[in-house]
Amino acid sequence: MVNILTIPKKLAQKGELIIIPRAEYDEITGLKKRLLREEKDTDETIHVFEKEYQNKKLKKASTFSEILGTARKSK
């Protein structure tokens, strides 16, 4: 039996076609989704930063413990 693959004219006219294994396709689409999600998270973080910066809600800290609020106070 002969396997035949028919490509619709509409699809073929859009440019080059590439055939890859399903596992690679799934990996690529997974990476794309992850990158888009990370980009959205980054955009949201920048938006929050800009909003807090405008409202003067940002604080300076010289140590990580100051950020957490666990810095020892000098006596």
C-alpha atoms as a PDB file:
ATOM      1  CA  MET A   1       0.000   0.000   0.000  1.00  0.00           C
ATOM      2  CA  VAL A   2       1.282   3.461  -0.875  1.00  0.00           C
ATOM      3  CA  ASN A   3       1.049   6.329   1.611  1.00  0.00           C
ATOM      4  CA  ILE A   4      -0.102   9.536  -0.016  1.00  0.00           C
ATOM      5  CA  LEU A   5       0.094  12.981   1.540  1.00  0.00           C
ATOM      6  CA  THR A   6      -2.059  15.692  -0.009  1.00  0.00           C
ATOM      7  CA  ILE A   7      -1.310  19.319   0.823  1.00  0.00           C
ATOM      8  CA  PRO A   8      -4.176  21.742   0.201  1.00  0.00           C
ATOM      9  CA  LYS A   9      -3.366  24.540  -2.254  1.00  0.00           C
ATOM     10  CA  LYS A  10      -4.279  27.198   0.327  1.00  0.00           C
ATOM     11  CA  LEU A  11      -1.669  25.872   2.728  1.00  0.00           C
ATOM     12  CA  ALA A  12       1.006  25.328   0.091  1.00  0.00           C
ATOM     13  CA  GLN A  13       0.692  28.892  -1.194  1.00  0.00           C
ATOM     14  CA  LYS A  14       1.518  30.421   2.212  1.00  0.00           C
ATOM     15  CA  GLY A  15       5.224  29.592   1.882  1.00  0.00           C
ATOM     16  CA  GLU A  16       7.607  26.787   2.676  1.00  0.00           C
ATOM     17  CA  LEU A  17       6.282  23.753   4.504  1.00  0.00           C
ATOM     18  CA  ILE A  18       8.302  21.815   7.041  1.00  0.00           C
ATOM     19  CA  ILE A  19       7.546  18.319   8.266  1.00  0.00           C
ATOM     20  CA  ILE A  20       8.829  17.423  11.740  1.00  0.00           C
ATOM     21  CA  PRO A  21       8.114  14.628  14.203  1.00  0.00           C
ATOM     22  CA  ARG A  22       5.176  15.226  16.563  1.00  0.00           C
ATOM     23  CA  ALA A  23       7.424  15.104  19.640  1.00  0.00           C
ATOM     24  CA  GLU A  24       9.538  17.983  18.301  1.00  0.00           C
ATOM     25  CA  TYR A  25       6.422  19.967  17.401  1.00  0.00           C
ATOM     26  CA  ASP A  26       5.035  19.475  20.906  1.00  0.00           C
ATOM     27  CA  GLU A  27       8.356  20.554  22.424  1.00  0.00           C
ATOM     28  CA  ILE A  28       8.509  23.694  20.272  1.00  0.00           C
ATOM     29  CA  THR A  29       4.920  24.699  21.025  1.00  0.00           C
ATOM     30  CA  GLY A  30       5.534  24.064  24.737  1.00  0.00           C
ATOM     31  CA  LEU A  31       8.570  26.351  24.662  1.00  0.00           C
ATOM     32  CA  LYS A  32       6.592  29.001  22.804  1.00  0.00           C
ATOM     33  CA  LYS A  33       3.788  28.887  25.377  1.00  0.00           C
ATOM     34  CA  ARG A  34       6.294  29.095  28.248  1.00  0.00           C
ATOM     35  CA  LEU A  35       8.096  32.066  26.700  1.00  0.00           C
ATOM     36  CA  LEU A  36       4.821  33.897  26.083  1.00  0.00           C
ATOM     37  CA  ARG A  37       3.750  33.254  29.691  1.00  0.00           C
ATOM     38  CA  GLU A  38       7.125  34.510  30.974  1.00  0.00           C
ATOM     39  CA  GLU A  39       6.861  37.602  28.768  1.00  0.00           C
ATOM     40  CA  LYS A  40       3.390  38.297  30.149  1.00  0.00           C
ATOM     41  CA  ASP A  41       4.685  37.887  33.719  1.00  0.00           C
ATOM     42  CA  THR A  42       7.578  40.253  32.969  1.00  0.00           C
ATOM     43  CA  ASP A  43       5.232  42.840  31.477  1.00  0.00           C
ATOM     44  CA  GLU A  44       3.011  42.621  34.571  1.00  0.00           C
ATOM     45  CA  THR A  45       6.036  42.998  36.863  1.00  0.00           C
ATOM     46  CA  ILE A  46       7.194  46.095  34.973  1.00  0.00           C
ATOM     47  CA  HIS A  47       3.673  47.538  35.182  1.00  0.00           C
ATOM     48  CA  VAL A  48       3.563  46.980  38.971  1.00  0.00           C
ATOM     49  CA  PHE A  49       7.044  48.484  39.374  1.00  0.00           C
ATOM     50  CA  GLU A  50       6.120  51.603  37.397  1.00  0.00           C
ATOM     51  CA  LYS A  51       2.898  52.046  39.365  1.00  0.00           C
ATOM     52  CA  GLU A  52       4.653  51.671  42.726  1.00  0.00           C
ATOM     53  CA  TYR A  53       7.476  53.955  41.595  1.00  0.00           C
ATOM     54  CA  GLN A  54       4.965  56.675  40.661  1.00  0.00           C
ATOM     55  CA  ASN A  55       3.206  56.288  44.020  1.00  0.00           C
ATOM     56  CA  LYS A  56       6.588  56.412  45.848  1.00  0.00           C
ATOM     57  CA  LYS A  57       5.958  53.033  47.478  1.00  0.00           C
ATOM     58  CA  LEU A  58       9.415  51.635  46.714  1.00  0.00           C
ATOM     59  CA  LYS A  59      11.970  51.378  49.503  1.00  0.00           C
ATOM     60  CA  LYS A  60      15.746  51.045  49.409  1.00  0.00           C
ATOM     61  CA  ALA A  61      17.424  48.150  51.167  1.00  0.00           C
ATOM     62  CA  SER A  62      21.096  47.347  51.551  1.00  0.00           C
ATOM     63  CA  THR A  63      20.567  43.720  52.599  1.00  0.00           C
ATOM     64  CA  PHE A  64      18.116  40.970  51.789  1.00  0.00           C
ATOM     65  CA  SER A  65      17.063  40.757  55.437  1.00  0.00           C
ATOM     66  CA  GLU A  66      15.963  44.410  55.257  1.00  0.00           C
ATOM     67  CA  ILE A  67      13.672  43.479  52.391  1.00  0.00           C
ATOM     68  CA  LEU A  68      12.159  40.724  54.526  1.00  0.00           C
ATOM     69  CA  GLY A  69      11.910  43.066  57.496  1.00  0.00           C
ATOM     70  CA  THR A  70      14.058  40.848  59.692  1.00  0.00           C
ATOM     71  CA  ALA A  71      17.092  43.101  59.959  1.00  0.00           C
ATOM     72  CA  ARG A  72      18.458  43.548  63.483  1.00  0.00           C
ATOM     73  CA  LYS A  73      18.106  47.045  64.786  1.00  0.00           C
ATOM     74  CA  SER A  74      21.204  48.767  66.164  1.00  0.00           C
ATOM     75  CA  LYS A  75      21.188  49.348  69.909  1.00  0.00           C
END
